[in-house]
Amino acid sequence: MYAWIWRKLPFGLWGKVTGSLVLIATVGVLLWYVVFPWATPLLPFDDVQVGTGTEQQDPNLVVPGDGADVGPDDIPYDQHTNAPDPSASPR
């Protein structure tokens, strides 16, 4: 296919090089401004979920003291689980 395009471009070597650059730029512009904006809503890249989605809740609606009083900046798991007490390590 590329050999066919190269043979069909006019004006010798420099015309073929210039024509190739124009074709590449045209395809790039069409992809960037037409195809990608059309396809973006169809792609799942912005649909980020962890788990099934049933355990997610708004942190502003959490009632304190119900066992789920984790704020939006708190880490909801123990940070020291994999870090044993240094005095209990074997010698």
Protein backbone atom coordinates (compact mmCIF):
# COMPACT_ATOMS: atom_id res chain seq x y z
CA MET A 1 0.00 0.00 0.00
CA TYR A 2 2.76 2.47 0.92
CA ALA A 3 4.67 1.60 -2.24
CA TRP A 4 1.54 2.30 -4.29
CA ILE A 5 1.11 5.69 -2.58
CA TRP A 6 4.81 6.47 -3.15
CA ARG A 7 4.51 5.63 -6.86
CA LYS A 8 1.37 7.78 -7.27
CA LEU A 9 2.85 10.90 -5.66
CA PRO A 10 4.06 13.40 -8.31
CA PHE A 11 7.09 15.71 -8.79
CA GLY A 12 10.12 13.50 -8.21
CA LEU A 13 11.84 12.78 -4.90
CA TRP A 14 11.22 16.13 -3.17
CA GLY A 15 7.62 16.20 -4.31
CA LYS A 16 7.12 12.69 -2.97
CA VAL A 17 8.73 13.58 0.36
CA THR A 18 6.61 16.74 0.65
CA GLY A 19 3.48 14.87 -0.42
CA SER A 20 4.17 12.14 2.14
CA LEU A 21 4.56 14.71 4.92
CA VAL A 22 1.33 16.41 3.87
CA LEU A 23 -0.50 13.06 3.85
CA ILE A 24 0.88 12.14 7.29
CA ALA A 25 -0.10 15.54 8.70
CA THR A 26 -3.59 15.28 7.17
CA VAL A 27 -4.17 11.83 8.67
CA GLY A 28 -2.88 13.04 12.05
CA VAL A 29 -5.16 16.10 12.04
CA LEU A 30 -8.19 14.01 11.03
CA LEU A 31 -7.49 11.51 13.80
CA TRP A 32 -6.83 14.21 16.41
CA TYR A 33 -9.81 16.47 15.66
CA VAL A 34 -12.43 14.09 14.20
CA VAL A 35 -11.93 10.41 15.05
CA PHE A 36 -10.58 10.66 18.62
CA PRO A 37 -13.24 13.14 19.87
CA TRP A 38 -15.93 10.93 18.32
CA ALA A 39 -14.52 7.75 19.89
CA THR A 40 -13.71 9.15 23.36
CA PRO A 41 -17.21 8.69 24.85
CA LEU A 42 -17.26 5.12 23.56
CA LEU A 43 -14.05 4.11 25.37
CA PRO A 44 -14.02 3.02 29.03
CA PHE A 45 -10.86 4.91 30.10
CA ASP A 46 -12.73 7.31 32.43
CA ASP A 47 -14.87 4.57 33.99
CA VAL A 48 -12.66 3.82 36.98
CA GLN A 49 -14.08 1.43 39.58
CA VAL A 50 -12.52 -0.69 42.27
CA GLY A 51 -14.67 -3.59 43.38
CA THR A 52 -18.28 -4.08 42.41
CA GLY A 53 -19.38 -0.52 43.13
CA THR A 54 -21.82 -1.44 45.90
CA GLU A 55 -19.38 -0.64 48.70
CA GLN A 56 -18.65 2.90 47.53
CA GLN A 57 -20.30 5.77 49.34
CA ASP A 58 -19.99 9.51 49.58
CA PRO A 59 -17.56 10.42 52.42
CA ASN A 60 -19.72 13.44 53.24
CA LEU A 61 -22.68 11.19 54.05
CA VAL A 62 -20.85 8.92 56.52
CA VAL A 63 -22.34 9.01 60.01
CA PRO A 64 -19.61 9.15 62.70
CA GLY A 65 -19.46 6.10 64.95
CA ASP A 66 -21.14 3.65 62.59
CA GLY A 67 -17.89 1.79 61.94
CA ALA A 68 -17.25 3.58 58.66
CA ASP A 69 -16.03 6.91 60.03
CA VAL A 70 -13.13 7.16 57.62
CA GLY A 71 -12.60 10.61 56.23
CA PRO A 72 -11.72 11.34 52.61
CA ASP A 73 -8.02 11.74 53.49
CA ASP A 74 -7.76 8.74 55.83
CA ILE A 75 -6.32 5.41 54.72
CA PRO A 76 -9.01 2.78 55.38
CA TYR A 77 -6.58 -0.01 56.33
CA ASP A 78 -3.87 -0.66 58.86
CA GLN A 79 -0.54 0.69 57.65
CA HIS A 80 1.53 -1.42 60.05
CA THR A 81 0.25 -4.89 59.18
CA ASN A 82 3.37 -5.81 57.20
CA ALA A 83 5.75 -3.98 59.52
CA PRO A 84 6.25 -6.14 62.63
CA ASP A 85 7.48 -4.73 65.91
CA PRO A 86 11.30 -4.49 65.73
CA SER A 87 11.73 -6.03 69.19
CA ALA A 88 9.79 -9.15 68.14
CA SER A 89 11.98 -9.89 65.12
CA PRO A 90 14.20 -13.02 65.29
CA ARG A 91 17.92 -12.61 65.87
